[in-house]
Amino acid sequence: MATVVDLFTYPVKGCAGTSVDSTHLTPAGLAHDRSFMVVSVDGVYRTQRRDPRLALVRPTISADGSRLTLGSAGRESGEGGADVRGGDDELHLDVTTSAPRREVDLFGATFQGIDQGEEAAAWLSDFLGVPSRLVRVPPEHDRKTDGLTPGTSGYADSSAVHLLSRASLAHLHARMAERGAPPLAMDRFRPNIVIDSHPEGRHGEDWAAEPHAEDRIRRMTIGAADLGYTKLAVRCAVTLVDQEAGARGGPEPLRTLAGYRRAAGGGVVFGAKFSVVRPGKLSVGDEVAVEEWGDAEA
C-alpha cells in the first residue's frame, strides 16, 4: 500500500500552490484547483513558461470560493530591470461569477472566463511587469479532457489531477547526483497528490517504493474518491523555474530526464495524470488502493 503524504491545490494557474491537509476532490480536481487564470489583455493564458514570476504569486481562497487573496514573495525588479511590485502587500478580492464572460485562449483552445475586475488586473500587471487580467472558470464550464479515462478540469493543462511519488523523485535525484547536480524541491513538478510507501509497510508488496510505479496505475481509490488514469505527464520548461526565486534555475531536471524518460510521442515524462471517476474527500494519510494495473507506456 501507499499513502498520501502531501496535497496541493493551485487556485490560480501558474501561481504558487497551497498545501492542504484535507480537501474535496471534485470532478474537475482538488477544490478550487486552477479555477483562475492570468491572461494577457487579449485573453491569452500566461504560465511560468514565459512568465516565471507567476511562481511568486501566493493565492489563497476561502473554502466556499467567494474570496480570493493574492499575496506575493516578490523582488523589487523583474526581468530586464523592470520596476515591479514588491512582496509586502496583499489584494483581497470578492470573486464574481456574474460578470460578463469573455473568450480566453489556453494552448490554442478557446474557453470562457469571467474577468475579476480592474483591481486584480492592476495588481497582477504591476507584479508581473506586463499588462494582465485575472479570469475565473464559469460555473457552466464543461471542458472535456482526453486520455485513457476522459474527464473534465478547470484551467489545468489537461487532466484534473497530477500524481507523483517520492520514489520517483528520489530516483531522479540519484541520477542527477551522478551528474553532480543538486536535488530539486517537489514543487518544481507542481503535483496535486504526492504518495509514498505506507509508513507501516503493510500488505507485503511495497509497490510505492518502486520509481514510476504511478505510471502503471489504471484505477485507484484514495479516501472517498476514485481516480482513473489518463496519461503520463509530459514535462516542460516550467520544471526549470526555481519556485522560490521566480526565475529559471538551470537545465535540470530536463537534462537528466532526457537521458531516461523520453516518451515515444516526444518530450520527457515524469508523473502521471488522472481523471476523477468518483468525487470525495481526500486527506493526508489516506491509503492509496490500486484497483487496476496496466503496462507502463513507452
Protein backbone atom coordinates (compact mmCIF):
# COMPACT_ATOMS: atom_id res chain seq x y z
CA MET A 1 0.00 0.00 0.00
CA ALA A 2 0.92 3.63 -0.41
CA THR A 3 -0.25 6.66 1.48
CA VAL A 4 -0.89 10.31 0.63
CA VAL A 5 1.87 12.47 2.13
CA ASP A 6 1.05 15.83 0.50
CA LEU A 7 -1.91 17.52 -1.16
CA PHE A 8 -1.53 20.72 -3.19
CA THR A 9 -4.09 22.90 -4.87
CA TYR A 10 -3.24 25.74 -7.25
CA PRO A 11 -6.14 28.23 -7.23
CA VAL A 12 -4.55 30.42 -9.92
CA LYS A 13 -2.98 28.59 -12.84
CA GLY A 14 0.79 29.08 -12.89
CA CYS A 15 0.96 30.63 -9.43
CA ALA A 16 2.18 29.09 -6.18
CA GLY A 17 0.36 26.13 -4.71
CA THR A 18 -1.32 25.79 -1.34
CA SER A 19 -0.62 22.78 0.85
CA VAL A 20 -3.75 21.36 2.48
CA ASP A 21 -4.30 18.57 4.98
CA SER A 22 -7.76 17.73 3.70
CA THR A 23 -9.91 18.79 0.77
CA HIS A 24 -12.72 17.66 -1.51
CA LEU A 25 -11.91 16.10 -4.86
CA THR A 26 -14.42 17.49 -7.35
CA PRO A 27 -14.98 16.26 -10.92
CA ALA A 28 -12.53 18.99 -12.02
CA GLY A 29 -9.84 18.15 -9.44
CA LEU A 30 -8.97 19.30 -5.94
CA ALA A 31 -11.33 22.01 -4.72
CA HIS A 32 -10.60 25.33 -6.50
CA ASP A 33 -7.61 23.90 -8.37
CA ARG A 34 -6.81 26.02 -11.45
CA SER A 35 -10.17 27.76 -11.22
CA PHE A 36 -8.50 31.10 -12.00
CA MET A 37 -6.06 32.03 -14.76
CA VAL A 38 -3.89 35.05 -15.53
CA VAL A 39 -4.24 36.17 -19.14
CA SER A 40 -2.95 38.91 -21.41
CA VAL A 41 -5.26 41.78 -22.30
CA ASP A 42 -6.10 39.73 -25.40
CA GLY A 43 -7.15 36.78 -23.26
CA VAL A 44 -4.14 34.54 -23.94
CA TYR A 45 -3.06 32.40 -20.98
CA ARG A 46 0.06 33.18 -19.00
CA THR A 47 2.19 30.43 -17.49
CA GLN A 48 5.65 30.16 -15.96
CA ARG A 49 6.99 29.09 -19.35
CA ARG A 50 7.14 32.78 -20.31
CA ASP A 51 6.27 34.50 -17.03
CA PRO A 52 8.27 32.73 -14.29
CA ARG A 53 7.40 35.43 -11.75
CA LEU A 54 3.95 33.85 -11.52
CA ALA A 55 5.61 31.40 -9.12
CA LEU A 56 5.94 34.23 -6.61
CA VAL A 57 2.21 34.98 -6.51
CA ARG A 58 0.76 33.28 -3.42
CA PRO A 59 -3.01 32.91 -3.84
CA THR A 60 -5.33 31.70 -1.10
CA ILE A 61 -9.04 31.13 -1.45
CA SER A 62 -11.88 30.74 1.03
CA ALA A 63 -13.50 27.34 1.43
CA ASP A 64 -16.60 28.43 -0.47
CA GLY A 65 -14.55 30.08 -3.24
CA SER A 66 -16.07 33.51 -2.72
CA ARG A 67 -12.93 35.30 -1.51
CA LEU A 68 -9.52 35.26 -3.18
CA THR A 69 -6.35 36.78 -1.73
CA LEU A 70 -3.31 37.48 -3.87
CA GLY A 71 -0.10 37.73 -1.87
CA SER A 72 3.45 37.70 -3.10
CA ALA A 73 7.04 36.84 -2.34
CA GLY A 74 8.37 39.23 -4.92
CA ARG A 75 11.56 41.11 -5.51
CA GLU A 76 11.85 44.74 -6.37
CA SER A 77 12.80 44.31 -10.01
CA GLY A 78 11.77 41.91 -12.72
CA GLU A 79 13.42 40.68 -15.87
CA GLY A 80 15.38 43.37 -17.66
CA GLY A 81 15.28 45.58 -14.54
CA ALA A 82 11.58 46.48 -14.95
CA ASP A 83 10.03 48.03 -11.87
CA VAL A 84 7.54 45.61 -10.34
CA ARG A 85 5.54 45.31 -7.18
CA GLY A 86 7.39 44.08 -4.09
CA GLY A 87 6.27 41.35 -1.72
CA ASP A 88 4.68 43.20 1.20
CA ASP A 89 1.12 43.86 0.02
CA GLU A 90 -1.93 41.69 -0.49
CA LEU A 91 -5.05 42.10 -2.56
CA HIS A 92 -8.36 40.76 -1.26
CA LEU A 93 -10.99 40.10 -3.91
CA ASP A 94 -14.67 39.26 -3.75
CA VAL A 95 -14.92 36.68 -6.53
CA THR A 96 -17.57 37.39 -9.12
CA THR A 97 -19.36 34.73 -11.14
CA SER A 98 -21.96 37.09 -12.63
CA ALA A 99 -19.75 39.44 -14.68
CA PRO A 100 -19.84 39.13 -18.48
CA ARG A 101 -17.96 36.21 -19.99
CA ARG A 102 -15.04 36.72 -22.34
CA GLU A 103 -13.11 34.38 -24.59
CA VAL A 104 -9.76 33.12 -23.31
CA ASP A 105 -7.10 31.09 -25.06
CA LEU A 106 -5.50 28.06 -23.38
CA PHE A 107 -2.96 26.28 -25.61
CA GLY A 108 -4.89 27.38 -28.68
CA ALA A 109 -8.27 26.16 -27.40
CA THR A 110 -10.99 28.71 -26.74
CA PHE A 111 -12.82 28.75 -23.41
CA GLN A 112 -14.86 31.27 -21.46
CA GLY A 113 -13.62 33.25 -18.47
CA ILE A 114 -15.18 35.69 -16.01
CA ASP A 115 -12.99 38.78 -15.65
CA GLN A 116 -12.32 39.61 -11.99
CA GLY A 117 -12.02 43.34 -12.44
CA GLU A 118 -9.62 46.24 -12.51
CA GLU A 119 -8.03 45.83 -9.06
CA ALA A 120 -6.88 42.30 -9.85
CA ALA A 121 -5.69 43.39 -13.30
CA ALA A 122 -3.67 46.30 -11.84
CA TRP A 123 -2.11 44.17 -9.08
CA LEU A 124 -1.01 41.42 -11.46
CA SER A 125 0.18 43.86 -14.14
CA ASP A 126 2.35 45.67 -11.59
CA PHE A 127 3.76 42.46 -10.15
CA LEU A 128 4.48 40.70 -13.45
CA GLY A 129 5.57 43.82 -15.30
CA VAL A 130 3.25 43.11 -18.24
CA PRO A 131 -0.43 44.03 -18.79
CA SER A 132 -2.50 41.18 -17.36
CA ARG A 133 -6.00 40.27 -16.26
CA LEU A 134 -7.47 37.60 -14.00
CA VAL A 135 -10.34 35.35 -15.09
CA ARG A 136 -12.35 32.66 -13.34
CA VAL A 137 -13.81 29.45 -14.75
CA PRO A 138 -17.56 29.99 -15.27
CA PRO A 139 -19.95 27.72 -13.36
CA GLU A 140 -21.20 26.39 -16.72
CA HIS A 141 -17.66 25.40 -17.79
CA ASP A 142 -17.93 21.91 -19.33
CA ARG A 143 -14.46 21.23 -20.66
CA LYS A 144 -13.77 17.66 -21.76
CA THR A 145 -10.25 16.30 -21.24
CA ASP A 146 -8.65 13.48 -23.18
CA GLY A 147 -6.65 10.40 -22.26
CA LEU A 148 -7.42 6.81 -21.35
CA THR A 149 -10.10 7.94 -18.87
CA PRO A 150 -11.83 11.08 -20.18
CA GLY A 151 -12.89 13.66 -17.65
CA THR A 152 -13.00 17.40 -17.02
CA SER A 153 -10.85 20.09 -15.44
CA GLY A 154 -10.72 23.83 -14.90
CA TYR A 155 -7.78 25.68 -16.45
CA ALA A 156 -5.29 22.84 -15.83
CA ASP A 157 -3.03 21.96 -18.76
CA SER A 158 -5.07 18.81 -19.32
CA SER A 159 -6.35 16.26 -16.79
CA ALA A 160 -7.78 17.12 -13.39
CA VAL A 161 -5.17 15.53 -11.12
CA HIS A 162 -1.39 15.18 -11.28
CA LEU A 163 0.08 12.45 -9.05
CA LEU A 164 3.76 11.89 -8.27
CA SER A 165 5.58 9.56 -5.88
CA ARG A 166 8.51 10.35 -3.63
CA ALA A 167 10.22 7.24 -5.00
CA SER A 168 10.22 8.73 -8.49
CA LEU A 169 11.72 11.98 -7.25
CA ALA A 170 14.37 10.12 -5.22
CA HIS A 171 15.34 8.13 -8.32
CA LEU A 172 15.66 11.33 -10.34
CA HIS A 173 17.83 12.84 -7.62
CA ALA A 174 20.12 9.81 -7.70
CA ARG A 175 20.60 10.19 -11.44
CA MET A 176 21.14 13.94 -11.11
CA ALA A 177 23.76 13.33 -8.41
CA GLU A 178 25.73 11.26 -10.93
CA ARG A 179 25.99 14.46 -12.97
CA GLY A 180 26.96 16.49 -9.91
CA ALA A 181 23.58 18.27 -9.83
CA PRO A 182 21.88 19.06 -6.50
CA PRO A 183 18.37 17.77 -5.69
CA LEU A 184 15.27 19.79 -6.51
CA ALA A 185 12.19 20.52 -4.46
CA MET A 186 8.99 18.62 -5.23
CA ASP A 187 7.30 21.91 -6.12
CA ARG A 188 9.28 22.05 -9.38
CA PHE A 189 6.78 19.46 -10.67
CA ARG A 190 3.62 21.05 -9.23
CA PRO A 191 1.80 17.82 -8.27
CA ASN A 192 -1.64 17.69 -6.70
CA ILE A 193 -1.13 14.41 -4.86
CA VAL A 194 2.19 13.10 -3.57
CA ILE A 195 2.38 9.48 -2.41
CA ASP A 196 4.94 7.42 -0.55
CA SER A 197 5.33 3.95 0.89
CA HIS A 198 2.97 3.16 3.74
CA PRO A 199 4.81 4.03 6.97
CA GLU A 200 3.95 0.66 8.49
CA GLY A 201 4.89 -1.29 5.35
CA ARG A 202 1.63 -3.19 5.45
CA HIS A 203 0.21 -5.71 2.99
CA GLY A 204 3.54 -7.18 1.93
CA GLU A 205 4.40 -5.82 -1.51
CA ASP A 206 5.74 -2.27 -1.26
CA TRP A 207 4.92 -1.10 -4.78
CA ALA A 208 5.18 2.58 -3.83
CA ALA A 209 8.92 2.16 -3.23
CA GLU A 210 9.34 1.43 -6.96
CA PRO A 211 10.19 4.54 -9.02
CA HIS A 212 7.47 5.43 -11.52
CA ALA A 213 5.00 2.84 -10.23
CA GLU A 214 2.35 5.54 -10.68
CA ASP A 215 2.79 5.14 -14.45
CA ARG A 216 1.11 1.71 -14.25
CA ILE A 217 -1.91 2.64 -12.13
CA ARG A 218 -5.11 2.50 -14.15
CA ARG A 219 -7.76 2.78 -11.43
CA MET A 220 -7.35 3.65 -7.76
CA THR A 221 -9.26 4.67 -4.66
CA ILE A 222 -7.96 7.35 -2.31
CA GLY A 223 -10.07 8.27 0.68
CA ALA A 224 -13.63 8.53 -0.58
CA ALA A 225 -12.66 9.21 -4.19
CA ASP A 226 -11.91 7.09 -7.26
CA LEU A 227 -9.49 8.16 -9.98
CA GLY A 228 -8.80 6.81 -13.47
CA TYR A 229 -5.52 7.08 -15.36
CA THR A 230 -5.42 9.41 -18.35
CA LYS A 231 -1.78 9.72 -19.45
CA LEU A 232 1.79 10.38 -18.43
CA ALA A 233 2.76 13.92 -17.50
CA VAL A 234 4.91 15.41 -20.25
CA ARG A 235 7.31 17.88 -18.65
CA CYS A 236 8.02 21.35 -19.97
CA ALA A 237 10.16 24.40 -19.18
CA VAL A 238 8.13 25.12 -16.02
CA THR A 239 10.25 22.47 -14.27
CA LEU A 240 13.29 24.69 -14.86
CA VAL A 241 11.79 27.51 -12.76
CA ASP A 242 13.01 27.88 -9.19
CA GLN A 243 9.68 28.28 -7.41
CA GLU A 244 11.21 30.31 -4.58
CA ALA A 245 13.07 32.73 -6.86
CA GLY A 246 10.53 33.03 -9.68
CA ALA A 247 13.29 32.61 -12.26
CA ARG A 248 14.82 29.84 -14.33
CA GLY A 249 17.45 27.95 -12.39
CA GLY A 250 19.36 25.95 -14.99
CA PRO A 251 18.99 22.87 -17.21
CA GLU A 252 17.74 20.47 -14.54
CA PRO A 253 15.66 18.40 -14.30
CA LEU A 254 15.02 18.23 -18.05
CA ARG A 255 18.65 17.46 -18.88
CA THR A 256 18.68 14.35 -16.70
CA LEU A 257 15.14 13.26 -17.55
CA ALA A 258 16.02 13.35 -21.24
CA GLY A 259 18.50 10.56 -20.60
CA TYR A 260 15.99 8.02 -19.28
CA ARG A 261 12.39 9.27 -19.51
CA ARG A 262 11.88 10.12 -23.18
CA ALA A 263 8.37 9.44 -24.47
CA ALA A 264 7.72 7.77 -27.80
CA GLY A 265 5.50 10.66 -28.80
CA GLY A 266 8.13 13.25 -27.93
CA GLY A 267 9.26 15.09 -24.83
CA VAL A 268 10.12 13.67 -21.43
CA VAL A 269 7.64 12.33 -18.87
CA PHE A 270 7.57 12.38 -15.08
CA GLY A 271 4.48 11.60 -13.01
CA ALA A 272 1.01 10.59 -14.14
CA LYS A 273 -2.31 12.33 -14.68
CA PHE A 274 -5.76 11.15 -13.66
CA SER A 275 -9.42 11.97 -14.13
CA VAL A 276 -11.91 11.95 -11.29
CA VAL A 277 -14.23 8.96 -11.59
CA ARG A 278 -15.96 9.44 -8.22
CA PRO A 279 -15.60 12.69 -6.24
CA GLY A 280 -15.00 12.56 -2.50
CA LYS A 281 -12.95 13.75 0.44
CA LEU A 282 -9.14 13.43 0.36
CA SER A 283 -6.79 13.77 3.31
CA VAL A 284 -3.09 13.47 4.00
CA GLY A 285 -2.62 9.98 5.43
CA ASP A 286 -5.24 8.35 3.21
CA GLU A 287 -4.22 4.99 1.80
CA VAL A 288 -3.95 4.53 -1.95
CA ALA A 289 -5.70 1.34 -3.03
CA VAL A 290 -4.90 0.37 -6.61
CA GLU A 291 -7.84 -1.43 -8.18
CA GLU A 292 -6.33 -1.98 -11.63
CA TRP A 293 -2.81 -2.02 -13.02
CA GLY A 294 -1.60 -1.68 -16.59
CA ASP A 295 1.65 -1.64 -18.51
CA ALA A 296 3.89 1.40 -18.37
CA GLU A 297 3.66 3.45 -21.54
CA ALA A 298 6.73 3.78 -23.75
